[in-house]
Amino acid sequence: MNLGFVPDHIDPDLTIALMIGGIRQALIAVLMSEQRPDPEKLTDEIWAFMAGALRLTAGSGIEKSDRDKVA
């Protein structure tokens, strides 16, 4: 179901593969580090990465406060 948040020119299969790989690598690095980051900061960094990968804009309708809502 396309709700129009992600631009049509983005290949969803490639984008999700890249996002999963990137997030996986980031979480491996976090779990392997001696000092763990603050969970809130880590969540914000992951969200910023996802928003960038999906090319979301401030007016896209998916705001930071909405990220915890389940569709």
N, C-alpha and C. Protein backbone atom coordinates (compact mmCIF):
# COMPACT_ATOMS: atom_id res chain seq x y z
N MET A 1 0.85 -1.18 0.00
CA MET A 1 0.00 0.00 0.00
C MET A 1 0.89 1.24 0.00
N ASN A 2 0.70 2.10 -0.96
CA ASN A 2 1.47 3.32 -1.09
C ASN A 2 0.65 4.48 -0.53
N LEU A 3 1.16 5.06 0.56
CA LEU A 3 0.48 6.20 1.17
C LEU A 3 1.03 7.54 0.66
N GLY A 4 2.03 7.48 -0.24
CA GLY A 4 2.56 8.70 -0.82
C GLY A 4 3.65 9.37 -0.02
N PHE A 5 4.15 8.73 1.02
CA PHE A 5 5.21 9.35 1.82
C PHE A 5 6.57 9.26 1.13
N VAL A 6 6.79 8.18 0.41
CA VAL A 6 8.07 7.94 -0.26
C VAL A 6 7.91 8.28 -1.73
N PRO A 7 8.83 9.07 -2.27
CA PRO A 7 8.72 9.45 -3.68
C PRO A 7 8.71 8.22 -4.60
N ASP A 8 7.98 8.33 -5.70
CA ASP A 8 7.84 7.22 -6.65
C ASP A 8 9.15 6.81 -7.31
N HIS A 9 10.12 7.72 -7.41
CA HIS A 9 11.37 7.40 -8.10
C HIS A 9 12.33 6.55 -7.26
N ILE A 10 11.98 6.25 -6.02
CA ILE A 10 12.82 5.42 -5.16
C ILE A 10 12.44 3.96 -5.35
N ASP A 11 13.44 3.13 -5.62
CA ASP A 11 13.22 1.69 -5.77
C ASP A 11 13.05 1.10 -4.37
N PRO A 12 11.86 0.64 -4.02
CA PRO A 12 11.62 0.17 -2.65
C PRO A 12 12.45 -1.06 -2.27
N ASP A 13 12.67 -1.98 -3.20
CA ASP A 13 13.44 -3.19 -2.89
C ASP A 13 14.90 -2.86 -2.59
N LEU A 14 15.50 -2.04 -3.42
CA LEU A 14 16.89 -1.64 -3.21
C LEU A 14 17.01 -0.81 -1.93
N THR A 15 16.11 0.13 -1.74
CA THR A 15 16.17 1.01 -0.58
C THR A 15 16.05 0.24 0.73
N ILE A 16 15.11 -0.69 0.83
CA ILE A 16 14.96 -1.43 2.07
C ILE A 16 16.16 -2.32 2.33
N ALA A 17 16.74 -2.89 1.26
CA ALA A 17 17.95 -3.70 1.43
C ALA A 17 19.10 -2.86 1.97
N LEU A 18 19.27 -1.67 1.40
CA LEU A 18 20.32 -0.77 1.87
C LEU A 18 20.08 -0.33 3.32
N MET A 19 18.83 -0.03 3.65
CA MET A 19 18.50 0.41 5.01
C MET A 19 18.74 -0.71 6.02
N ILE A 20 18.29 -1.92 5.71
CA ILE A 20 18.48 -3.04 6.62
C ILE A 20 19.97 -3.30 6.84
N GLY A 21 20.73 -3.30 5.74
CA GLY A 21 22.17 -3.53 5.85
C GLY A 21 22.85 -2.45 6.68
N GLY A 22 22.51 -1.21 6.42
CA GLY A 22 23.12 -0.10 7.16
C GLY A 22 22.79 -0.13 8.64
N ILE A 23 21.53 -0.37 8.95
CA ILE A 23 21.11 -0.43 10.35
C ILE A 23 21.74 -1.62 11.04
N ARG A 24 21.80 -2.76 10.34
CA ARG A 24 22.44 -3.96 10.90
C ARG A 24 23.90 -3.68 11.26
N GLN A 25 24.63 -3.07 10.34
CA GLN A 25 26.03 -2.77 10.61
C GLN A 25 26.19 -1.78 11.76
N ALA A 26 25.32 -0.80 11.82
CA ALA A 26 25.38 0.18 12.92
C ALA A 26 25.13 -0.48 14.26
N LEU A 27 24.13 -1.37 14.32
CA LEU A 27 23.83 -2.05 15.58
C LEU A 27 24.94 -3.00 15.99
N ILE A 28 25.58 -3.66 15.02
CA ILE A 28 26.73 -4.51 15.35
C ILE A 28 27.83 -3.65 15.96
N ALA A 29 28.11 -2.51 15.36
CA ALA A 29 29.15 -1.61 15.89
C ALA A 29 28.81 -1.14 17.30
N VAL A 30 27.55 -0.81 17.53
CA VAL A 30 27.12 -0.35 18.85
C VAL A 30 27.27 -1.46 19.89
N LEU A 31 26.84 -2.66 19.53
CA LEU A 31 26.91 -3.78 20.47
C LEU A 31 28.34 -4.22 20.74
N MET A 32 29.24 -3.99 19.81
CA MET A 32 30.64 -4.37 19.99
C MET A 32 31.45 -3.31 20.73
N SER A 33 30.91 -2.11 20.84
CA SER A 33 31.67 -1.03 21.47
C SER A 33 31.67 -1.16 22.99
N GLU A 34 32.72 -0.65 23.58
CA GLU A 34 32.83 -0.70 25.05
C GLU A 34 31.81 0.22 25.71
N GLN A 35 31.60 1.37 25.10
CA GLN A 35 30.66 2.35 25.66
C GLN A 35 29.43 2.43 24.77
N ARG A 36 28.30 2.06 25.29
CA ARG A 36 27.05 2.07 24.53
C ARG A 36 26.48 3.50 24.47
N PRO A 37 25.92 3.87 23.32
CA PRO A 37 25.31 5.21 23.23
C PRO A 37 23.99 5.26 23.99
N ASP A 38 23.56 6.45 24.23
CA ASP A 38 22.26 6.67 24.85
C ASP A 38 21.18 6.13 23.90
N PRO A 39 20.25 5.30 24.41
CA PRO A 39 19.22 4.71 23.53
C PRO A 39 18.41 5.75 22.76
N GLU A 40 18.08 6.87 23.38
CA GLU A 40 17.30 7.91 22.70
C GLU A 40 18.11 8.52 21.56
N LYS A 41 19.39 8.76 21.80
CA LYS A 41 20.24 9.32 20.75
C LYS A 41 20.41 8.32 19.62
N LEU A 42 20.59 7.05 19.94
CA LEU A 42 20.72 6.02 18.92
C LEU A 42 19.45 5.94 18.07
N THR A 43 18.30 5.98 18.72
CA THR A 43 17.02 5.95 18.01
C THR A 43 16.90 7.15 17.07
N ASP A 44 17.30 8.32 17.56
CA ASP A 44 17.25 9.53 16.72
C ASP A 44 18.18 9.41 15.52
N GLU A 45 19.36 8.83 15.73
CA GLU A 45 20.31 8.66 14.62
C GLU A 45 19.76 7.67 13.58
N ILE A 46 19.17 6.58 14.05
CA ILE A 46 18.59 5.60 13.12
C ILE A 46 17.43 6.23 12.35
N TRP A 47 16.59 6.99 13.05
CA TRP A 47 15.47 7.64 12.38
C TRP A 47 15.96 8.64 11.33
N ALA A 48 17.01 9.41 11.66
CA ALA A 48 17.55 10.37 10.70
C ALA A 48 18.10 9.64 9.47
N PHE A 49 18.73 8.49 9.69
CA PHE A 49 19.25 7.68 8.57
C PHE A 49 18.10 7.20 7.69
N MET A 50 17.06 6.68 8.30
CA MET A 50 15.92 6.17 7.55
C MET A 50 15.23 7.30 6.78
N ALA A 51 15.03 8.43 7.43
CA ALA A 51 14.38 9.57 6.77
C ALA A 51 15.21 10.04 5.58
N GLY A 52 16.54 10.04 5.74
CA GLY A 52 17.41 10.43 4.65
C GLY A 52 17.35 9.43 3.50
N ALA A 53 17.38 8.15 3.83
CA ALA A 53 17.33 7.12 2.79
C ALA A 53 16.03 7.18 2.00
N LEU A 54 14.95 7.52 2.68
CA LEU A 54 13.64 7.61 2.03
C LEU A 54 13.36 8.99 1.46
N ARG A 55 14.32 9.90 1.66
CA ARG A 55 14.22 11.28 1.17
C ARG A 55 12.96 11.97 1.68
N LEU A 56 12.67 11.73 2.93
CA LEU A 56 11.50 12.37 3.54
C LEU A 56 11.80 13.83 3.79
N THR A 57 10.81 14.66 3.64
CA THR A 57 10.97 16.09 3.91
C THR A 57 10.19 16.43 5.19
N ALA A 58 10.42 17.62 5.68
CA ALA A 58 9.75 18.04 6.91
C ALA A 58 8.24 18.00 6.76
N GLY A 59 7.73 18.21 5.59
CA GLY A 59 6.28 18.22 5.36
C GLY A 59 5.75 16.90 4.82
N SER A 60 6.50 15.82 4.96
CA SER A 60 6.10 14.54 4.36
C SER A 60 4.95 13.86 5.09
N GLY A 61 4.65 14.30 6.29
CA GLY A 61 3.57 13.68 7.05
C GLY A 61 4.05 12.63 8.04
N ILE A 62 5.33 12.30 8.00
CA ILE A 62 5.90 11.36 8.97
C ILE A 62 6.90 12.14 9.81
N GLU A 63 6.43 12.61 10.92
CA GLU A 63 7.26 13.41 11.80
C GLU A 63 7.87 12.53 12.88
N LYS A 64 8.89 13.05 13.55
CA LYS A 64 9.57 12.30 14.60
C LYS A 64 8.59 11.81 15.66
N SER A 65 7.61 12.60 16.02
CA SER A 65 6.66 12.21 17.05
C SER A 65 5.76 11.07 16.59
N ASP A 66 5.66 10.86 15.27
CA ASP A 66 4.82 9.79 14.73
C ASP A 66 5.56 8.48 14.52
N ARG A 67 6.87 8.47 14.72
CA ARG A 67 7.66 7.28 14.36
C ARG A 67 7.34 6.07 15.20
N ASP A 68 6.78 6.25 16.39
CA ASP A 68 6.49 5.11 17.27
C ASP A 68 5.10 4.54 17.05
N LYS A 69 4.32 5.19 16.19
CA LYS A 69 2.97 4.70 15.94
C LYS A 69 2.99 3.50 15.00
N VAL A 70 2.19 2.52 15.27
CA VAL A 70 2.11 1.34 14.42
C VAL A 70 0.96 1.56 13.45
N ALA A 71 1.24 1.28 12.18
CA ALA A 71 0.22 1.49 11.14
C ALA A 71 -0.86 0.42 11.23
